[in-house]
């Protein structure tokens, strides 16, 4: 897939490395010749075959743990590329709402914590750690359903709201980032419908050819990152490199 626009000797990080897409990002980055180190961050300690990978255990809602993890990642130099691959759609007591009657404060709070607040805290600690003398990037997994203008079906209010709020955070932080680091960008990435546990209950009706393996989705997202520059900061792109409307 190539990350030629980033150069070589890359110090990369993936937050949410134990998930299907996060693990695929770790493996893809470790396979890149230009990547020197990949920091795999999760609440647990997933194992990866490549000796390029360094695992970190960290709760993304714990700022002391985040600070320690980012400090460990940058002991020998700044970060050049970081991916936030966190996300929740369903779980214990959590399901996408079909109607406003299903809205629940506790479930919505959990979705917002994982999909919006945790990425915000990660960005808070990662953005200052990006190198300032070359192209660098932070990207967070977003979703097309977070687009307000593209919402024609309703439903899924917690997930939609969490991703819309994430998109606003990305845009807001990218404005500040451009003032202090002209070679860095912060964007959102829509992975498409991917064969992971997150999408498993909702794959019925997905058009043929639109259900992707994590590897295919990640390859597309990395190609997108390679092909854009700082002027794209604050925007959301899909796996094919097309901009997702706000």
Foldseek 3Di string as FASTA:
>chain_A
DDQPQLAAAAQEEEAPCVFQLNVLLQVVLLPDRRYQAYEYEECDFDDDDRPRYDYAHADLVDLVSLLVSLCVSAVPHFHFEYEYEWAAAADVVHHWFPDPVPDDDVNLVVRLCGLAVSVLSNCVNRLVRHDQPGAGEYEYEAALLLAPVPDDRDIRVSNNVSRVNNLVSQQVVLVVSCVPGVRYAYEYEHLFAEPTPRCVVPCPPQDPPRYYHSNLSSVLVSVLVSPDTSVCHSFYAYSPNHTRHD
